[in-house]
Every structure is written in C-alpha cells, then in structure tokens.
Amino acid sequence: MPITYFSQNCKIRVLSQAGRAFQTDLLYLTVTTFATILVGVFKIAIHKAGRDGLTDRKEEY
C-alpha cells in the first residue's frame, strides 16, 4: 500500500538523521508551530470581524 510505503520511508529517514541537528530541527519546529498558530488566530479574527460587520469594505480597496 502506498501509505505503508510512505510511512516506512519517513521513519527510515527520520531515524537515519536522528542526532545530526536535533536542536536546529526542534527550533524550526517551534518557529513554524508558533507561526501557524499566529496565522490561524489572525484568520479567525478577520473572519469574525467580517461576519460581525466590524470592517468597512470600502477601506479595504
């Protein structure tokens, strides 16, 4: 099955690179996690503001 092959391939690659640059990888993971959360919060806030009519459509152009 393609999913089994993909998961085994990912496991082999991760285990073969374990210990090389663990702290750098952890830093990248942390930064991208916070960036994703921040973008998600802003998207939710913009959606709620648009739904509640708090933004003026003329000002956006």
Protein backbone atom coordinates (compact mmCIF):
# COMPACT_ATOMS: atom_id res chain seq x y z
CA MET A 1 0.00 0.00 0.00
CA PRO A 2 1.28 3.49 -0.76
CA ILE A 3 0.57 4.79 2.75
CA THR A 4 2.57 1.98 4.37
CA TYR A 5 5.46 2.58 2.00
CA PHE A 6 5.36 6.32 2.70
CA SER A 7 5.27 5.88 6.48
CA GLN A 8 8.12 3.36 6.43
CA ASN A 9 10.17 5.64 4.20
CA CYS A 10 9.60 8.60 6.53
CA LYS A 11 10.53 6.51 9.58
CA ILE A 12 13.78 5.37 7.97
CA ARG A 13 14.72 8.92 7.01
CA VAL A 14 13.94 10.35 10.43
CA LEU A 15 15.82 7.62 12.28
CA SER A 16 18.85 7.89 9.99
CA GLN A 17 19.09 11.64 10.65
CA ALA A 18 18.44 11.47 14.38
CA GLY A 19 21.11 13.24 16.35
CA ARG A 20 22.59 15.27 13.49
CA ALA A 21 20.99 18.59 14.14
CA PHE A 22 18.33 17.85 16.72
CA GLN A 23 18.35 21.31 18.30
CA THR A 24 18.12 23.04 14.92
CA ASP A 25 15.22 20.82 13.87
CA LEU A 26 13.49 21.47 17.18
CA LEU A 27 13.96 25.22 16.70
CA TYR A 28 12.46 25.05 13.19
CA LEU A 29 9.53 23.03 14.51
CA THR A 30 8.91 25.54 17.30
CA VAL A 31 9.10 28.57 15.00
CA THR A 32 6.79 27.06 12.38
CA THR A 33 4.32 25.95 15.06
CA PHE A 34 4.08 29.45 16.53
CA ALA A 35 3.81 30.99 13.05
CA THR A 36 0.98 28.61 12.14
CA ILE A 37 -0.86 29.39 15.37
CA LEU A 38 -0.42 33.13 14.81
CA VAL A 39 -1.72 32.96 11.24
CA GLY A 40 -4.68 30.86 12.38
CA VAL A 41 -5.60 33.31 15.13
CA PHE A 42 -5.49 36.25 12.72
CA LYS A 43 -7.60 34.39 10.14
CA ILE A 44 -10.21 33.62 12.78
CA ALA A 45 -10.20 37.24 13.97
CA ILE A 46 -10.59 38.59 10.43
CA HIS A 47 -13.42 36.14 9.74
CA LYS A 48 -15.25 37.12 12.94
CA ALA A 49 -14.78 40.83 12.25
CA GLY A 50 -16.15 40.42 8.74
CA ARG A 51 -19.09 38.38 9.97
CA ASP A 52 -19.94 40.91 12.68
CA GLY A 53 -19.63 43.84 10.26
CA LEU A 54 -16.71 45.48 12.04
CA THR A 55 -14.75 46.12 8.85
CA ASP A 56 -15.68 48.61 6.17
CA ARG A 57 -15.37 47.09 2.72
CA LYS A 58 -14.60 50.45 1.11
CA GLU A 59 -11.47 50.87 3.23
CA GLU A 60 -10.06 47.55 2.05
CA TYR A 61 -9.71 48.80 -1.52
